[in-house]
Amino acid sequence: MHFELRDFETLSLHSPAEHVVQITLNRPHVSNAMNTQMGLDMHAVFDGLAADPAAFRCAILTGAGEKTFCAGGDLKQRQGMTDEQWQDQHLIFERMVRAMHACPIPVIAAVNGAAYAGGLEMVLCCDFAYAAPHARFALTEVTLGIMPGAGGTQNLPRTIGARRAKEILLTGTPFTAEQALAWGLVNRICPAETLLWDTLATATRIANNAPISTRQIKQSVNVGGQMDLASALMFEIEAYNRMVPTEDRREGIASFNEKREPVFKGR
C-alpha cells in the first residue's frame, strides 16, 4: 500500500521538508473540534502511515489557525445523539487512537493553542510535543458527565505521574504551557511565530537519521516500557539486531570514518 499525500475533509497534509509529513487539523471555524469525519480521517492517515512506513520518516501534528490546536470533541454534533450513536462515534475515535499508537514513525505535536479534552489526548498519543507560550491544556470530560476515552487516563499518568494526572483528570482544570513544560508533558516552549519551524527543525533532524533505527527505537521504548526490565532488555536486543545486517548500518560507519554526512536509504 502506497501512502497518498492528499488533503482530507478535516485534515490538511503536506510535506514541508524531505521525508517529513505535516498533518494539520483543519476545522478552524470550530476550533478544530473533533467530529466523526475527523476521527475517520485521522484513522485513515495513521493507518496509512503504518501500512507504508517508508513513505515518511517523521510526522508533525498541528492545528489550523493561531488560537487552537483542538478543542476536543465536537459537542454540537453530539447534541441529541442517542446512546447507540454516541458509542458508534466513539468506536471511530478508539480506532483513531489505536492507529496513532501503532504509527511506526516518530510523531511530534506542535501545539499552537488550546489542546482540550480529545485535543490533549491526541497530543499524548504523539511521541513528544512542542508548544506555543499561549497554549493551554485540559482534560475537561469530568465536567461534562463523562471521562477521557481516547487514552487520557492511561497516557497522562504515564507521562506526568499518577498523582498529578489524577488532579488534572478529576478537576478538569486547565493548565499553562509553562506548567506542561515543568511536568514533562511538552519538551519545549517555542515562540508562536517559530513553533512550526522549530518543530520542523527537530523533525528534519530525526528524518536525516537512519529510518530503521528511529522506528526500532520508538518501538523499543513503547513496547519495552510495558515490560519488566529483564524482558525489556531482551526486547531491546532483538530490536538492535534488526539493524546489524542493514545497508544503513554499514553506511553510518563508513560515513563516520570517511568524515562525511551519511546518506541513509532505509534498507
Protein backbone atom coordinates (compact mmCIF):
# COMPACT_ATOMS: atom_id res chain seq x y z
CA MET A 1 0.00 0.00 0.00
CA HIS A 2 1.42 3.38 -1.01
CA PHE A 3 0.69 6.31 1.31
CA GLU A 4 -1.04 9.09 -0.60
CA LEU A 5 -0.17 12.68 0.31
CA ARG A 6 -3.51 14.44 -0.05
CA ASP A 7 -5.94 16.62 1.84
CA PHE A 8 -8.90 15.12 3.67
CA GLU A 9 -12.21 16.75 4.57
CA THR A 10 -10.97 17.70 8.05
CA LEU A 11 -7.19 17.46 7.63
CA SER A 12 -4.58 19.18 5.51
CA LEU A 13 -1.47 17.20 4.61
CA HIS A 14 1.75 18.40 3.04
CA SER A 15 5.47 17.69 3.16
CA PRO A 16 7.36 20.75 4.46
CA ALA A 17 10.74 19.01 4.11
CA GLU A 18 12.11 15.82 2.61
CA HIS A 19 10.85 12.72 4.43
CA VAL A 20 8.59 14.80 6.76
CA VAL A 21 4.79 14.92 6.63
CA GLN A 22 2.76 17.65 8.38
CA ILE A 23 -0.79 16.76 9.40
CA THR A 24 -2.92 19.81 10.22
CA LEU A 25 -6.29 19.54 11.97
CA ASN A 26 -8.28 21.77 9.64
CA ARG A 27 -11.59 22.86 11.15
CA PRO A 28 -10.56 26.31 12.40
CA HIS A 29 -14.13 27.67 12.29
CA VAL A 30 -14.99 25.32 15.21
CA SER A 31 -11.60 25.42 16.98
CA ASN A 32 -10.54 22.23 15.17
CA ALA A 33 -13.08 20.27 17.20
CA MET A 34 -13.06 16.55 16.53
CA ASN A 35 -16.17 15.33 14.72
CA THR A 36 -16.91 11.89 13.30
CA GLN A 37 -15.25 12.73 9.99
CA MET A 38 -12.05 13.88 11.69
CA GLY A 39 -11.90 10.57 13.52
CA LEU A 40 -12.26 8.72 10.22
CA ASP A 41 -9.69 10.95 8.52
CA MET A 42 -7.15 10.63 11.34
CA HIS A 43 -7.57 6.86 11.34
CA ALA A 44 -7.04 6.76 7.58
CA VAL A 45 -3.86 8.85 7.78
CA PHE A 46 -2.20 6.98 10.62
CA ASP A 47 -3.31 3.59 9.36
CA GLY A 48 -1.82 4.58 6.01
CA LEU A 49 1.50 5.55 7.61
CA ALA A 50 1.61 2.19 9.39
CA ALA A 51 0.92 0.38 6.12
CA ASP A 52 3.68 2.28 4.30
CA PRO A 53 6.29 3.13 6.97
CA ALA A 54 8.92 4.01 4.37
CA ALA A 55 6.78 6.82 2.92
CA PHE A 56 7.96 9.33 5.55
CA ARG A 57 10.48 9.30 8.37
CA CYS A 58 8.81 11.75 10.78
CA ALA A 59 5.39 13.36 11.18
CA ILE A 60 4.23 16.66 12.68
CA LEU A 61 0.69 17.07 14.05
CA THR A 62 -0.66 20.61 14.50
CA GLY A 63 -3.85 22.64 14.28
CA ALA A 64 -5.00 25.26 11.79
CA GLY A 65 -5.11 28.85 13.00
CA GLU A 66 -3.30 30.65 15.80
CA LYS A 67 -5.55 30.04 18.80
CA THR A 68 -6.45 26.36 18.99
CA PHE A 69 -4.77 23.02 18.44
CA CYS A 70 -8.00 21.11 19.08
CA ALA A 71 -10.88 21.97 21.41
CA GLY A 72 -11.83 18.31 21.85
CA GLY A 73 -14.94 16.52 20.66
CA ASP A 74 -17.49 18.47 18.62
CA LEU A 75 -20.23 18.83 21.23
CA LYS A 76 -22.63 20.46 18.76
CA GLN A 77 -22.53 17.31 16.66
CA ARG A 78 -23.01 15.21 19.78
CA GLN A 79 -26.08 17.17 20.93
CA GLY A 80 -29.11 14.88 20.71
CA MET A 81 -27.18 11.73 19.88
CA THR A 82 -28.70 8.50 21.09
CA ASP A 83 -26.59 6.26 23.30
CA GLU A 84 -26.01 3.98 20.32
CA GLN A 85 -24.95 6.84 18.05
CA TRP A 86 -22.58 8.14 20.74
CA GLN A 87 -20.95 4.75 21.15
CA ASP A 88 -20.73 4.21 17.39
CA GLN A 89 -18.89 7.53 17.05
CA HIS A 90 -16.61 6.71 19.96
CA LEU A 91 -15.62 3.43 18.33
CA ILE A 92 -14.23 5.53 15.48
CA PHE A 93 -12.22 7.63 17.96
CA GLU A 94 -10.95 4.45 19.62
CA ARG A 95 -9.73 3.14 16.26
CA MET A 96 -8.06 6.52 15.64
CA VAL A 97 -6.16 6.30 18.93
CA ARG A 98 -5.01 2.76 18.23
CA ALA A 99 -3.79 3.85 14.80
CA MET A 100 -1.87 6.77 16.31
CA HIS A 101 -0.25 4.49 18.88
CA ALA A 102 0.64 2.00 16.16
CA CYS A 103 2.29 4.60 13.92
CA PRO A 104 5.84 3.29 13.40
CA ILE A 105 7.48 6.65 12.65
CA PRO A 106 8.10 9.38 15.25
CA VAL A 107 5.25 11.90 15.60
CA ILE A 108 5.79 15.37 17.10
CA ALA A 109 2.88 17.55 18.22
CA ALA A 110 3.23 21.28 17.53
CA VAL A 111 0.65 22.65 19.97
CA ASN A 112 -0.28 26.03 18.52
CA GLY A 113 -3.04 26.85 21.02
CA ALA A 114 -5.61 25.25 23.30
CA ALA A 115 -5.50 21.45 23.47
CA TYR A 116 -8.54 20.43 25.46
CA ALA A 117 -10.11 17.02 26.11
CA GLY A 118 -9.65 14.92 22.95
CA GLY A 119 -7.17 17.53 21.72
CA LEU A 120 -4.88 16.88 24.67
CA GLU A 121 -5.41 13.16 24.22
CA MET A 122 -4.11 13.47 20.65
CA VAL A 123 -1.04 15.32 21.95
CA LEU A 124 -0.47 12.48 24.40
CA CYS A 125 -0.61 9.96 21.53
CA CYS A 126 2.37 11.70 19.92
CA ASP A 127 5.94 10.83 20.88
CA PHE A 128 6.64 14.30 22.25
CA ALA A 129 5.39 17.86 21.87
CA TYR A 130 6.48 21.47 21.46
CA ALA A 131 4.06 24.23 22.44
CA ALA A 132 3.49 27.93 21.87
CA PRO A 133 3.54 30.10 25.02
CA HIS A 134 -0.21 30.74 24.84
CA ALA A 135 -1.10 27.03 24.59
CA ARG A 136 -3.45 25.76 27.26
CA PHE A 137 -4.21 22.18 28.20
CA ALA A 138 -7.07 20.41 29.98
CA LEU A 139 -9.00 17.18 30.23
CA THR A 140 -12.46 18.62 30.85
CA GLU A 141 -14.55 15.49 30.34
CA VAL A 142 -15.41 15.11 34.04
CA THR A 143 -17.19 18.50 33.93
CA LEU A 144 -19.48 17.12 31.18
CA GLY A 145 -20.50 13.93 32.95
CA ILE A 146 -18.12 11.71 31.00
CA MET A 147 -14.42 10.81 31.22
CA PRO A 148 -11.49 10.69 28.82
CA GLY A 149 -11.91 7.77 26.46
CA ALA A 150 -9.14 8.37 23.92
CA GLY A 151 -6.27 7.28 26.14
CA GLY A 152 -6.24 10.22 28.56
CA THR A 153 -6.48 8.21 31.79
CA GLN A 154 -3.64 5.97 30.62
CA ASN A 155 -1.27 8.22 28.67
CA LEU A 156 -1.36 11.21 31.03
CA PRO A 157 -0.22 9.34 34.19
CA ARG A 158 2.43 7.55 32.15
CA THR A 159 3.69 10.97 31.05
CA ILE A 160 3.48 13.14 34.18
CA GLY A 161 2.87 10.68 37.03
CA ALA A 162 -0.33 9.32 38.56
CA ARG A 163 -0.85 11.86 41.36
CA ARG A 164 -0.53 14.93 39.15
CA ALA A 165 -2.62 13.24 36.45
CA LYS A 166 -5.43 12.42 38.85
CA GLU A 167 -5.66 16.06 39.94
CA ILE A 168 -5.98 17.15 36.29
CA LEU A 169 -8.45 14.38 35.42
CA LEU A 170 -10.66 14.80 38.49
CA THR A 171 -10.90 18.60 38.44
CA GLY A 172 -10.93 19.36 34.72
CA THR A 173 -8.88 22.47 35.47
CA PRO A 174 -6.86 23.94 32.58
CA PHE A 175 -3.11 24.46 32.92
CA THR A 176 -0.50 26.51 31.10
CA ALA A 177 2.30 25.74 28.69
CA GLU A 178 4.79 26.58 31.44
CA GLN A 179 3.18 24.01 33.74
CA ALA A 180 3.08 21.47 30.90
CA LEU A 181 6.81 22.01 30.38
CA ALA A 182 7.61 21.69 34.09
CA TRP A 183 5.61 18.47 34.34
CA GLY A 184 7.17 16.88 31.24
CA LEU A 185 4.06 17.00 29.07
CA VAL A 186 5.80 19.19 26.49
CA ASN A 187 9.52 19.20 25.71
CA ARG A 188 9.91 22.83 24.70
CA ILE A 189 8.04 26.14 24.59
CA CYS A 190 8.69 27.93 21.29
CA PRO A 191 7.66 31.44 20.20
CA ALA A 192 4.31 31.19 18.43
CA GLU A 193 5.76 32.61 15.23
CA THR A 194 8.53 30.00 15.07
CA LEU A 195 6.73 26.98 16.58
CA LEU A 196 6.32 25.13 13.29
CA TRP A 197 9.84 25.99 12.14
CA ASP A 198 11.31 24.79 15.43
CA THR A 199 9.27 21.59 15.25
CA LEU A 200 10.28 21.08 11.64
CA ALA A 201 13.95 21.52 12.54
CA THR A 202 13.67 18.65 15.02
CA ALA A 203 11.59 16.55 12.62
CA THR A 204 14.20 17.09 9.89
CA ARG A 205 17.00 16.06 12.22
CA ILE A 206 15.10 12.87 13.02
CA ALA A 207 14.35 12.29 9.33
CA ASN A 208 18.04 12.60 8.48
CA ASN A 209 18.86 9.69 10.77
CA ALA A 210 18.59 6.06 9.72
CA PRO A 211 14.83 5.37 9.41
CA ILE A 212 15.03 1.74 10.53
CA SER A 213 16.90 2.94 13.62
CA THR A 214 14.30 5.57 14.51
CA ARG A 215 11.43 3.12 14.05
CA GLN A 216 13.16 0.46 16.14
CA ILE A 217 13.99 2.97 18.89
CA LYS A 218 10.36 4.11 19.08
CA GLN A 219 9.11 0.54 19.21
CA SER A 220 11.69 -0.43 21.82
CA VAL A 221 10.72 2.44 24.13
CA ASN A 222 6.97 1.94 23.69
CA VAL A 223 6.84 -1.85 23.96
CA GLY A 224 9.69 -2.20 26.45
CA GLY A 225 8.00 0.30 28.73
CA GLN A 226 5.16 -2.17 29.26
CA MET A 227 7.52 -5.00 30.28
CA ASP A 228 9.58 -5.93 33.30
CA LEU A 229 13.18 -4.77 32.92
CA ALA A 230 14.68 -8.17 32.08
CA SER A 231 12.15 -8.77 29.30
CA ALA A 232 12.54 -5.20 28.05
CA LEU A 233 16.31 -5.59 27.79
CA MET A 234 15.82 -8.75 25.74
CA PHE A 235 13.34 -6.91 23.51
CA GLU A 236 15.86 -4.10 23.03
CA ILE A 237 18.50 -6.56 21.80
CA GLU A 238 16.04 -8.05 19.33
CA ALA A 239 15.31 -4.54 18.06
CA TYR A 240 19.05 -3.80 17.90
CA ASN A 241 19.87 -6.96 15.95
CA ARG A 242 17.39 -5.89 13.25
CA MET A 243 19.89 -3.18 12.22
CA VAL A 244 23.12 -5.18 12.12
CA PRO A 245 22.61 -6.55 8.56
CA THR A 246 21.31 -3.27 7.07
CA GLU A 247 22.95 -1.10 4.42
CA ASP A 248 22.31 1.90 6.66
CA ARG A 249 24.42 0.43 9.47
CA ARG A 250 27.32 0.00 7.06
CA GLU A 251 26.75 3.48 5.61
CA GLY A 252 26.75 5.02 9.09
CA ILE A 253 30.12 3.51 10.00
CA ALA A 254 31.62 4.29 6.58
CA SER A 255 30.49 7.92 6.65
CA PHE A 256 31.95 8.38 10.13
CA ASN A 257 35.33 7.04 9.06
CA GLU A 258 35.25 8.99 5.80
CA LYS A 259 34.30 12.19 7.67
CA ARG A 260 31.17 12.89 5.62
CA GLU A 261 27.43 13.10 6.18
CA PRO A 262 25.69 9.72 5.89
CA VAL A 263 23.09 9.04 3.21
CA PHE A 264 20.57 6.65 4.70
CA LYS A 265 18.23 4.71 2.43
CA GLY A 266 16.08 2.82 4.90
CA ARG A 267 17.40 -0.59 3.98
